[in-house]
Structure formats: C-alpha cells, structure tokens
Amino acid sequence: MRGQARITESNVQDMLREVRMALLEADVALPVVRDFIARVKEKALGQEVTGSLNPGQALVGIVHRELAATMGDSGQHAPGQRPESELNLATQPPAVILMAGLQGSGKTTTSAKLARHLIEKRKKKVLTVSADVYRPAAIEQLKTVTKQAGAEWFPSAADQKPRDIALAALDHARRHYFDVLIVDTAGRLGIDEALMDEISELHAALNPIETLFVVDAMQGQDAINVARAFKDALPLTGVVLTKLDGDSRGGAALSVRQVTGAPIKFAGTSEKIDGLEVFDAERHAGRVLGMGDIVALVEEVQKGVDMQAAQQLAEKVKSGGGFDLNDFLSQISQMKKMGGLAGLMDKLPSQLTAKAAGADMGRAEKDVRRMEGMINSMTALERRKPELIKASRKRRIAAGAGVQVQEVNRMLNQFEQMQGMMKKMKGGGLMKMMKRMGGGGFPGMPR
C-alpha cells in the first residue's frame, strides 16, 4: 500500500483480512468481528492519507481509534461531566455497588481491590459484605482480602438468606456513615435460572447505583454468552475485566462491551490487592491487535519530530556535509520530545522491545541527559569539529558538565558510532534509527 495516496476498496481488503485474523486470534467473537470490520471499512474508504503516513499506517490508525472507541468511553459527555468509564457515586450515601459474574471470574478479590481503589483514589469509607451463602469459604475469603485492602467487612453466614444479608449490611452502612457498600454475590460454574433469579432479587432490594459485571479475560469466546445472560437479568452499569496479566490478548473486552453496552471500568492486572487499574481503552486496543501502541508512536513522531529539520539533516548528510555534535544534540532533543527512551520503548510492539527487555531504562535516560550536558559544555567550534577535542578540551568539558573524563570519551565514541550509522543510511535519520532501537543502536541505550 506504500506510495498510494488514499485508501481504496481494492487496497483495503488485504489489510482488513489481517485485522480480522488478529481479532479472532485475540478471542473476539465472530459476529462482533464482522460488525467491527464493516464499521472500519466504512470509515476508511476514500480517506486521504495525511503527511508522512502511508495508507497502511493510516488504516492502522483508523482500526486503533475505532477499537478504542468501541471498548472505551463513548466520549459523549459534556466538559466537566463524569466520563461513563468512571464509577458513579453521586447518590445519598452509602452508594451500593453490586458485583455480578460467574464463579472463578475473580469477583471476591475484585471487590476488595475496588474497596482499596475507592479508599486510596476517592478517599471513601468502604464496607464489604458477601451474599454468597453456597460457598462458606467465599465469606472468609472476602474477610481476608477486605482486611488487606484496609476496608471494613460485614459478617454473614451460610444459613442466612442473601437478601437478608444485603439489607442488614445496608442498614449497618447507613448507621455507621459508610460512603460505599460493596456487595459480593454468589457465582456458579455455569449460567442457571436460580442464580439469575437470586441476583435480580438482590438488585431489586438494594437498588445499587453501580452493577458491575466481572468477567475473566481468559474466557475468550464463552464470555459473550455469559455477558448476554447477565445483561438480560440485570441493568449492568459497567464491566471489570480480570486476569489481564495472563496469556490472553483480552479480546473478550470487545465482545463483552458490544454485547452489554456497558463501559469497561476496570482491568485486573495482577493478583496483588492493588492490581486493579482504571481501564485504558487506548492501551488495550494495541494489546488486542498485538502491536504495541504503534499508533501513539506514529502520532508522537508527527507531533514531536521537526520534519523540516530532519529533512535538512538528511540533505546535509547526503551532500557529504557530515553529521556533527549539533546534529547529535538535535536528535537527542527530538527523542526527549517524544517522551524519552522509555516512552518510545513502551509504544513499540513486543517483538521489537524483547531485545531491550533487560536494559535499564532509568540508567539509559540518565546517560542521555549527561550527553546533553556534555555537548552543552562545548564551544560552537568543538560541536562543529569534534576532531579538535583532545585531552585538555576533554578535561574542560568534563568539569563543565560535572562528569569524569571517561564519560566524555564514551559519549564521543557513541557519537562516532552514530556518525557511521548516518553515513550508512545516507541520511535516513530518525525514522530508520527508531527501527534499529530494538537492536540497541540508539544513543545512551545500555548494550
């Protein structure tokens, strides 16, 4: 698709076939994939390709934006209004949050993680209660994890009725001025009528402000049937996706969002009590496609790189003008504009960053800052003609930058490597260098 100025019916077909395969591999349900592909095709056809992007990159951008919009906040809220992905607690306290989902989806631990989130991020006084009378271990488990979360737990027993437990907890929360009551409910290994009747009755008795459907990201295709059953039984207000630290690419998020119509509010990212994050649709879209946040990288490059300066540098190197320390400094500052080394690495696909997985990014960033300091300690002539920098000049530069002479030597070596690389590339500049980053060919990158 390179070299074509717009996305057309003929050139879009192959790309969308790849996107379809990526979504199916990520366990997105087939009807959801079909619907999604049709929407992307409609938005993509005939779109002009801007700036330095080729049609392939432009289509990836459309796919990514549509994926993020499908899974995340619809964005249809007025400025200053609460985004739909945020928990709604705007009610007479206590705000009741009802947790629903199958057994094994992580409801109980998610209840405690949510309590921790509300205590730390929203400064709320939180009470939890278990209405799971079929699994006495569930009541004890909630007691343990609630204590770890720093919230309070309301006792319940297996011989009580779930509705009675919930109403007693609500009464206690009111009398003791709790801001939030989190009600953990019973799950089953499969969907059955008794479970749905019970949770519907609980919902009617409690009138919760939030009814959260907890679903395991590893469930894949089956998540769509479970989501449909819970949606039919309850007015769901949000989804919590658990076990996102597993092997799954989390395609269940797309299926569940589409079926329930409820926003994904949180993602469980580890078993630790603080392993719950506010769901980030942008980041998750890259994960589902298995391509890192490459779109953000494309946008960062457009925003942070001075294309004119890059072009001038390319022309200069091509015409034999050489690559001097001024150019080196300019490349470093361009990289800083794009969020530094760590910021760039985060956005690259996993296959590229695997090589740099062992690298100490903190140290690399520090090295980059030191290089900047050393170049800033040089005279204009030294920057233009690095070959003039001998022993006495090195001592002066080191003293000016507050570093050892060895570090000036190391920086000059790295500059020479970069100079050699630039000659080989004949001025390909930053874009080609970024492709090489995974191989450790970037300034300041630990070898």
Protein backbone atom coordinates (compact mmCIF):
# COMPACT_ATOMS: atom_id res chain seq x y z
CA MET A 1 0.00 0.00 0.00
CA ARG A 2 3.07 2.22 0.11
CA GLY A 3 3.05 5.14 -2.30
CA GLN A 4 -0.72 5.26 -2.71
CA ALA A 5 -2.43 8.50 -1.79
CA ARG A 6 -5.74 7.18 -0.48
CA ILE A 7 -7.36 4.08 0.98
CA THR A 8 -9.48 2.36 -1.68
CA GLU A 9 -11.77 -0.69 -1.85
CA SER A 10 -9.05 -2.75 -3.54
CA ASN A 11 -6.11 -1.92 -1.27
CA VAL A 12 -8.10 -2.09 1.98
CA GLN A 13 -9.21 -5.72 1.59
CA ASP A 14 -5.90 -7.43 2.49
CA MET A 15 -5.26 -5.15 5.43
CA LEU A 16 -8.70 -5.82 6.88
CA ARG A 17 -8.19 -9.56 6.45
CA GLU A 18 -5.14 -9.26 8.72
CA VAL A 19 -7.11 -7.20 11.23
CA ARG A 20 -9.89 -9.82 11.19
CA MET A 21 -7.35 -12.58 11.91
CA ALA A 22 -5.75 -10.55 14.73
CA LEU A 23 -9.16 -10.04 16.38
CA LEU A 24 -10.17 -13.70 16.05
CA GLU A 25 -6.80 -14.79 17.48
CA ALA A 26 -7.46 -12.41 20.40
CA ASP A 27 -10.71 -14.34 21.05
CA VAL A 28 -13.15 -11.69 19.88
CA ALA A 29 -16.48 -13.34 18.97
CA LEU A 30 -17.09 -13.73 15.22
CA PRO A 31 -20.31 -11.61 14.99
CA VAL A 32 -18.50 -8.81 16.85
CA VAL A 33 -15.53 -9.05 14.46
CA ARG A 34 -17.81 -8.86 11.39
CA ASP A 35 -19.61 -5.83 12.74
CA PHE A 36 -16.35 -4.11 13.68
CA ILE A 37 -14.69 -4.74 10.29
CA ALA A 38 -17.74 -3.33 8.48
CA ARG A 39 -17.56 -0.11 10.56
CA VAL A 40 -13.82 0.30 9.95
CA LYS A 41 -14.23 -0.24 6.20
CA GLU A 42 -16.96 2.38 6.05
CA LYS A 43 -14.78 4.93 7.90
CA ALA A 44 -11.61 4.11 5.95
CA LEU A 45 -12.80 4.13 2.35
CA GLY A 46 -11.77 7.17 0.39
CA GLN A 47 -9.92 8.74 3.31
CA GLU A 48 -6.96 10.86 2.21
CA VAL A 49 -3.64 9.90 3.76
CA THR A 50 -2.02 12.79 5.60
CA GLY A 51 1.60 13.92 5.90
CA SER A 52 4.22 11.22 6.10
CA LEU A 53 1.81 8.33 6.75
CA ASN A 54 1.27 5.67 4.09
CA PRO A 55 -2.20 4.11 3.63
CA GLY A 56 -1.17 1.11 5.75
CA GLN A 57 -0.31 3.30 8.74
CA ALA A 58 -3.40 5.42 8.21
CA LEU A 59 -5.63 2.31 8.26
CA VAL A 60 -3.94 1.05 11.43
CA GLY A 61 -4.80 4.44 12.95
CA ILE A 62 -8.48 4.09 11.96
CA VAL A 63 -8.63 0.50 13.29
CA HIS A 64 -6.99 1.53 16.55
CA ARG A 65 -9.27 4.54 17.11
CA GLU A 66 -12.40 2.52 16.32
CA LEU A 67 -11.25 -0.29 18.63
CA ALA A 68 -10.56 2.14 21.47
CA ALA A 69 -13.90 3.90 20.91
CA THR A 70 -15.75 0.56 20.87
CA MET A 71 -14.21 -0.67 24.14
CA GLY A 72 -13.89 2.60 25.96
CA ASP A 73 -15.68 5.79 26.78
CA SER A 74 -18.03 6.88 24.01
CA GLY A 75 -16.76 10.40 24.68
CA GLN A 76 -20.33 11.73 24.58
CA HIS A 77 -20.22 13.70 27.81
CA ALA A 78 -20.12 17.45 28.23
CA PRO A 79 -16.92 19.12 29.51
CA GLY A 80 -16.75 18.78 33.29
CA GLN A 81 -19.25 15.91 33.23
CA ARG A 82 -18.24 12.48 34.61
CA PRO A 83 -16.89 10.11 31.90
CA GLU A 84 -19.02 6.96 31.70
CA SER A 85 -15.95 4.82 32.46
CA GLU A 86 -15.67 6.37 35.94
CA LEU A 87 -17.54 4.90 38.92
CA ASN A 88 -20.69 6.84 39.72
CA LEU A 89 -21.05 7.51 43.46
CA ALA A 90 -23.37 10.53 43.17
CA THR A 91 -26.15 9.36 45.48
CA GLN A 92 -27.25 9.57 49.11
CA PRO A 93 -24.55 7.52 50.97
CA PRO A 94 -23.98 4.67 51.11
CA ALA A 95 -23.53 4.18 47.36
CA VAL A 96 -24.20 0.48 46.74
CA ILE A 97 -22.03 -1.43 44.25
CA LEU A 98 -23.33 -4.89 43.30
CA MET A 99 -20.75 -7.35 41.92
CA ALA A 100 -22.01 -9.96 39.45
CA GLY A 101 -20.31 -12.73 37.49
CA LEU A 102 -19.57 -16.46 37.30
CA GLN A 103 -17.67 -18.40 39.95
CA GLY A 104 -13.92 -18.16 39.34
CA SER A 105 -14.13 -14.86 37.46
CA GLY A 106 -12.40 -13.07 40.36
CA LYS A 107 -15.45 -11.33 41.91
CA THR A 108 -14.32 -11.62 45.54
CA THR A 109 -10.76 -10.36 45.02
CA THR A 110 -12.07 -7.66 42.67
CA SER A 111 -14.48 -6.50 45.43
CA ALA A 112 -11.52 -5.96 47.77
CA LYS A 113 -9.37 -4.36 45.05
CA LEU A 114 -12.24 -1.98 44.30
CA ALA A 115 -12.51 -1.14 48.01
CA ARG A 116 -8.78 -0.35 48.03
CA HIS A 117 -9.16 1.84 44.91
CA LEU A 118 -12.06 3.80 46.49
CA ILE A 119 -10.17 4.31 49.75
CA GLU A 120 -6.94 5.46 48.09
CA LYS A 121 -8.13 7.32 45.00
CA ARG A 122 -11.55 8.64 46.08
CA LYS A 123 -10.95 8.86 49.89
CA LYS A 124 -14.11 6.88 50.71
CA LYS A 125 -15.11 4.87 53.79
CA VAL A 126 -15.92 1.40 52.42
CA LEU A 127 -17.82 -1.63 53.79
CA THR A 128 -17.89 -5.03 52.05
CA VAL A 129 -20.31 -7.94 52.52
CA SER A 130 -20.59 -11.43 50.99
CA ALA A 131 -24.04 -12.68 49.96
CA ASP A 132 -22.51 -15.98 48.73
CA VAL A 133 -24.13 -18.48 51.11
CA TYR A 134 -23.27 -21.51 48.97
CA ARG A 135 -19.54 -21.30 49.48
CA PRO A 136 -18.66 -20.61 53.14
CA ALA A 137 -15.03 -20.22 52.01
CA ALA A 138 -16.13 -17.19 49.93
CA ILE A 139 -17.27 -15.33 53.08
CA GLU A 140 -13.90 -16.00 54.78
CA GLN A 141 -12.01 -15.07 51.61
CA LEU A 142 -13.79 -11.70 51.43
CA LYS A 143 -13.00 -11.09 55.12
CA THR A 144 -9.28 -11.73 54.49
CA VAL A 145 -8.92 -9.64 51.32
CA THR A 146 -11.03 -6.79 52.73
CA LYS A 147 -8.64 -6.56 55.67
CA GLN A 148 -5.69 -6.39 53.23
CA ALA A 149 -7.48 -3.60 51.36
CA GLY A 150 -7.93 -1.54 54.54
CA ALA A 151 -11.75 -1.58 54.30
CA GLU A 152 -14.33 -2.92 56.79
CA TRP A 153 -16.13 -6.26 56.45
CA PHE A 154 -19.71 -7.06 57.46
CA PRO A 155 -20.14 -10.63 58.79
CA SER A 156 -22.55 -13.05 57.11
CA ALA A 157 -23.26 -16.79 57.49
CA ALA A 158 -24.19 -19.69 55.21
CA ASP A 159 -27.58 -20.22 56.94
CA GLN A 160 -28.83 -16.70 56.08
CA LYS A 161 -30.77 -15.60 53.01
CA PRO A 162 -28.72 -13.44 50.56
CA ARG A 163 -31.42 -10.71 50.57
CA ASP A 164 -31.42 -10.53 54.41
CA ILE A 165 -27.61 -10.32 54.50
CA ALA A 166 -27.55 -7.47 51.97
CA LEU A 167 -30.28 -5.45 53.74
CA ALA A 168 -28.61 -5.90 57.16
CA ALA A 169 -25.29 -4.69 55.67
CA LEU A 170 -27.03 -1.70 54.07
CA ASP A 171 -28.63 -0.78 57.40
CA HIS A 172 -25.23 -1.06 59.16
CA ALA A 173 -23.57 1.08 56.43
CA ARG A 174 -26.22 3.80 56.86
CA ARG A 175 -25.98 3.88 60.66
CA HIS A 176 -22.16 3.99 60.64
CA TYR A 177 -21.82 6.60 57.87
CA PHE A 178 -20.10 4.49 55.22
CA ASP A 179 -19.73 6.14 51.81
CA VAL A 180 -19.79 2.88 49.83
CA LEU A 181 -21.16 -0.66 50.34
CA ILE A 182 -19.72 -3.35 48.03
CA VAL A 183 -21.91 -6.48 47.81
CA ASP A 184 -20.16 -9.65 46.60
CA THR A 185 -22.70 -12.14 45.19
CA ALA A 186 -22.77 -15.88 44.56
CA GLY A 187 -21.45 -17.25 41.28
CA ARG A 188 -22.00 -20.60 39.58
CA LEU A 189 -19.77 -22.58 37.26
CA GLY A 190 -22.39 -22.02 34.57
CA ILE A 191 -25.42 -19.84 33.98
CA ASP A 192 -28.61 -21.13 35.62
CA GLU A 193 -32.07 -19.77 36.38
CA ALA A 194 -31.72 -19.89 40.17
CA LEU A 195 -28.57 -17.74 40.08
CA MET A 196 -30.20 -15.13 37.83
CA ASP A 197 -33.38 -15.01 39.95
CA GLU A 198 -31.33 -14.53 43.12
CA ILE A 199 -29.18 -11.72 41.75
CA SER A 200 -32.25 -9.98 40.24
CA GLU A 201 -33.92 -10.11 43.69
CA LEU A 202 -30.77 -8.67 45.32
CA HIS A 203 -30.73 -5.87 42.75
CA ALA A 204 -34.38 -5.01 43.42
CA ALA A 205 -33.81 -4.95 47.21
CA LEU A 206 -30.63 -2.84 47.11
CA ASN A 207 -31.23 -0.55 44.13
CA PRO A 208 -27.45 -0.24 43.56
CA ILE A 209 -26.02 2.81 41.79
CA GLU A 210 -23.41 0.58 40.11
CA THR A 211 -23.93 -3.04 38.97
CA LEU A 212 -20.56 -4.34 37.80
CA PHE A 213 -20.19 -7.47 35.67
CA VAL A 214 -16.89 -9.20 36.47
CA VAL A 215 -15.54 -11.31 33.60
CA ASP A 216 -12.35 -13.32 33.14
CA ALA A 217 -10.31 -12.07 30.13
CA MET A 218 -9.08 -15.65 29.60
CA GLN A 219 -12.65 -16.86 28.95
CA GLY A 220 -12.45 -15.81 25.34
CA GLN A 221 -15.39 -16.78 23.15
CA ASP A 222 -17.54 -18.01 26.06
CA ALA A 223 -17.51 -14.54 27.64
CA ILE A 224 -20.12 -13.40 25.10
CA ASN A 225 -22.76 -15.94 26.28
CA VAL A 226 -22.16 -15.14 29.95
CA ALA A 227 -22.34 -11.41 29.25
CA ARG A 228 -25.62 -11.81 27.37
CA ALA A 229 -27.21 -13.77 30.25
CA PHE A 230 -26.20 -11.20 32.89
CA LYS A 231 -27.32 -8.31 30.69
CA ASP A 232 -30.77 -9.91 30.32
CA ALA A 233 -31.07 -10.35 34.10
CA LEU A 234 -29.58 -7.05 35.30
CA PRO A 235 -29.24 -3.41 34.21
CA LEU A 236 -25.42 -3.51 34.11
CA THR A 237 -23.61 -0.19 34.53
CA GLY A 238 -20.06 -1.37 33.96
CA VAL A 239 -17.65 -4.23 33.35
CA VAL A 240 -14.49 -5.30 35.19
CA LEU A 241 -12.09 -7.38 33.09
CA THR A 242 -9.94 -9.66 35.29
CA LYS A 243 -6.79 -11.76 34.73
CA LEU A 244 -5.36 -9.45 32.09
CA ASP A 245 -1.89 -10.49 33.27
CA GLY A 246 -2.44 -13.92 31.68
CA ASP A 247 -1.69 -15.15 28.15
CA SER A 248 -4.91 -13.82 26.68
CA ARG A 249 -4.77 -10.75 24.45
CA GLY A 250 -8.04 -9.66 26.07
CA GLY A 251 -10.35 -9.78 23.03
CA ALA A 252 -13.18 -10.61 25.46
CA ALA A 253 -13.22 -6.87 26.23
CA LEU A 254 -14.51 -6.07 22.75
CA SER A 255 -17.16 -8.83 22.80
CA VAL A 256 -18.42 -8.01 26.31
CA ARG A 257 -18.54 -4.27 25.64
CA GLN A 258 -20.54 -4.80 22.46
CA VAL A 259 -23.00 -7.30 23.98
CA THR A 260 -23.67 -5.50 27.28
CA GLY A 261 -23.43 -1.93 26.02
CA ALA A 262 -21.82 -1.17 29.41
CA PRO A 263 -18.42 0.56 29.59
CA ILE A 264 -15.37 -1.37 30.82
CA LYS A 265 -14.47 0.48 34.01
CA PHE A 266 -11.57 -1.52 35.45
CA ALA A 267 -8.97 -4.12 34.49
CA GLY A 268 -7.43 -6.61 36.91
CA THR A 269 -3.71 -6.67 36.11
CA SER A 270 -2.25 -8.83 38.89
CA GLU A 271 -3.26 -10.86 41.94
CA LYS A 272 -1.97 -8.19 44.33
CA ILE A 273 -4.52 -6.11 46.23
CA ASP A 274 -3.52 -3.01 44.24
CA GLY A 275 -3.62 -4.88 40.92
CA LEU A 276 -6.68 -3.06 39.62
CA GLU A 277 -6.38 -0.27 37.06
CA VAL A 278 -8.88 2.12 35.58
CA PHE A 279 -9.44 0.61 32.11
CA ASP A 280 -7.43 2.33 29.39
CA ALA A 281 -9.14 1.61 26.05
CA GLU A 282 -6.28 3.15 24.02
CA ARG A 283 -3.68 0.85 25.54
CA HIS A 284 -5.92 -2.19 25.43
CA ALA A 285 -6.65 -1.65 21.72
CA GLY A 286 -2.93 -2.07 20.97
CA ARG A 287 -2.83 -5.21 23.09
CA VAL A 288 -5.81 -6.79 21.29
CA LEU A 289 -4.17 -6.11 17.92
CA GLY A 290 -0.87 -7.45 19.33
CA MET A 291 1.08 -4.46 18.03
CA GLY A 292 2.06 -2.25 20.97
CA ASP A 293 0.89 1.33 20.94
CA ILE A 294 2.31 1.88 17.48
CA VAL A 295 -0.39 4.42 16.66
CA ALA A 296 0.61 6.62 19.58
CA LEU A 297 4.19 6.29 18.32
CA VAL A 298 3.16 7.48 14.84
CA GLU A 299 1.31 10.41 16.42
CA GLU A 300 4.23 11.24 18.73
CA VAL A 301 6.60 11.26 15.76
CA GLN A 302 4.31 13.60 13.82
CA LYS A 303 3.97 15.88 16.85
CA GLY A 304 7.49 15.72 18.28
CA VAL A 305 9.74 15.48 15.25
CA ASP A 306 10.58 18.57 13.32
CA MET A 307 10.19 17.04 9.86
CA GLN A 308 11.81 20.05 8.20
CA ALA A 309 14.89 19.77 10.44
CA ALA A 310 15.07 16.02 9.79
CA GLN A 311 14.88 16.68 6.04
CA GLN A 312 17.65 19.30 6.23
CA LEU A 313 19.85 16.88 8.17
CA ALA A 314 19.21 14.17 5.56
CA GLU A 315 20.20 16.57 2.75
CA LYS A 316 23.29 17.67 4.66
CA VAL A 317 24.50 14.09 5.22
CA LYS A 318 23.72 13.13 1.61
CA SER A 319 25.71 16.07 0.27
CA GLY A 320 28.73 15.00 2.33
CA GLY A 321 28.31 17.75 4.94
CA GLY A 322 28.78 15.19 7.71
CA PHE A 323 26.97 14.61 10.98
CA ASP A 324 28.32 16.82 13.78
CA LEU A 325 27.64 17.20 17.50
CA ASN A 326 24.98 19.88 16.86
CA ASP A 327 23.05 17.28 14.85
CA PHE A 328 23.62 14.71 17.60
CA LEU A 329 22.21 17.14 20.19
CA SER A 330 19.22 17.87 17.96
CA GLN A 331 18.47 14.11 17.66
CA ILE A 332 18.59 13.78 21.47
CA SER A 333 16.18 16.67 21.96
CA GLN A 334 13.78 15.23 19.33
CA MET A 335 13.76 11.95 21.27
CA LYS A 336 13.04 13.81 24.52
CA LYS A 337 10.05 15.49 22.89
CA MET A 338 8.67 12.01 22.20
CA GLY A 339 8.83 11.02 25.87
CA GLY A 340 12.42 9.76 26.02
CA LEU A 341 13.71 6.23 25.54
CA ALA A 342 11.31 4.56 27.97
CA GLY A 343 8.37 6.35 26.38
CA LEU A 344 9.37 5.15 22.92
CA MET A 345 10.04 1.59 24.10
CA ASP A 346 6.59 1.40 25.73
CA LYS A 347 4.93 2.15 22.40
CA LEU A 348 6.87 -0.30 20.25
CA PRO A 349 5.48 -3.80 19.54
CA SER A 350 6.68 -6.52 21.91
CA GLN A 351 8.77 -8.31 19.26
CA LEU A 352 10.91 -5.19 18.84
CA THR A 353 11.26 -4.43 22.53
CA ALA A 354 12.07 -8.00 23.57
CA LYS A 355 15.74 -7.38 22.72
CA ALA A 356 15.84 -4.42 25.06
CA ALA A 357 13.84 -6.09 27.84
CA GLY A 358 16.89 -6.44 30.06
CA ALA A 359 18.02 -2.86 29.54
CA ASP A 360 17.95 -0.48 32.47
CA MET A 361 15.82 2.33 31.05
CA GLY A 362 16.37 4.61 34.03
CA ARG A 363 20.12 4.45 33.52
CA ALA A 364 19.74 4.96 29.77
CA GLU A 365 17.66 8.11 30.33
CA LYS A 366 20.31 9.42 32.75
CA ASP A 367 23.04 8.73 30.17
CA VAL A 368 21.09 10.69 27.57
CA ARG A 369 20.78 13.68 29.95
CA ARG A 370 24.53 13.54 30.67
CA MET A 371 25.33 13.56 26.96
CA GLU A 372 23.22 16.65 26.58
CA GLY A 373 25.12 18.30 29.44
CA MET A 374 28.48 17.45 27.88
CA ILE A 375 27.55 18.80 24.43
CA ASN A 376 26.19 21.97 26.04
CA SER A 377 29.60 22.46 27.73
CA MET A 378 31.37 22.60 24.36
CA THR A 379 32.16 25.64 22.24
CA ALA A 380 30.39 26.14 18.90
CA LEU A 381 33.63 25.22 17.09
CA GLU A 382 34.03 21.96 19.07
CA ARG A 383 30.49 20.94 18.21
CA ARG A 384 31.09 21.56 14.52
CA LYS A 385 34.52 19.90 14.53
CA PRO A 386 34.58 17.10 17.16
CA GLU A 387 38.05 16.02 15.93
CA LEU A 388 39.50 19.10 17.73
CA ILE A 389 38.51 17.67 21.13
CA LYS A 390 41.77 16.40 22.66
CA ALA A 391 42.87 15.83 26.30
CA SER A 392 42.79 19.43 27.68
CA ARG A 393 39.46 20.21 25.99
CA LYS A 394 38.01 16.94 27.32
CA ARG A 395 39.02 17.93 30.88
CA ARG A 396 37.32 21.33 30.48
CA ILE A 397 34.12 19.77 29.05
CA ALA A 398 34.01 17.14 31.84
CA ALA A 399 34.39 19.85 34.52
CA GLY A 400 31.68 21.98 32.88
CA ALA A 401 29.21 19.04 32.75
CA GLY A 402 30.16 17.70 36.21
CA VAL A 403 31.28 14.29 34.88
CA GLN A 404 34.50 12.23 34.61
CA VAL A 405 36.73 12.47 31.50
CA GLN A 406 35.96 8.78 30.77
CA GLU A 407 32.32 9.72 30.27
CA VAL A 408 33.29 12.37 27.70
CA ASN A 409 35.30 9.66 25.89
CA ARG A 410 32.32 7.27 25.99
CA MET A 411 29.98 9.94 24.64
CA LEU A 412 32.35 10.76 21.78
CA ASN A 413 32.59 7.03 20.95
CA GLN A 414 28.81 6.77 20.79
CA PHE A 415 28.69 9.89 18.64
CA GLU A 416 31.21 8.31 16.24
CA GLN A 417 29.09 5.14 16.04
CA MET A 418 26.05 7.28 15.24
CA GLN A 419 28.05 9.20 12.64
CA GLY A 420 29.00 5.91 10.99
CA MET A 421 25.40 4.75 11.09
CA MET A 422 24.25 8.00 9.47
CA LYS A 423 26.76 7.57 6.64
CA LYS A 424 25.49 4.04 6.00
CA MET A 425 21.91 5.24 5.96
CA LYS A 426 22.69 8.15 3.67
CA GLY A 427 20.63 10.47 5.81
CA GLY A 428 17.65 8.26 6.66
CA GLY A 429 17.61 9.99 10.02
CA LEU A 430 15.35 9.42 12.94
CA MET A 431 12.79 7.05 11.39
CA LYS A 432 15.41 4.47 10.43
CA MET A 433 17.17 4.88 13.74
CA MET A 434 13.95 4.13 15.58
CA LYS A 435 13.61 0.88 13.66
CA ARG A 436 17.07 -0.03 14.90
CA MET A 437 16.32 0.82 18.50
CA GLY A 438 15.43 -2.77 19.37
CA GLY A 439 18.95 -3.73 18.32
CA GLY A 440 20.50 -1.30 20.78
CA GLY A 441 21.75 1.17 18.19
CA PHE A 442 20.39 4.22 19.95
CA PRO A 443 22.44 6.75 21.94
CA GLY A 444 22.51 6.03 25.64
CA MET A 445 20.94 2.59 25.20
CA PRO A 446 22.69 0.06 27.52
CA ARG A 447 24.46 -2.61 25.49
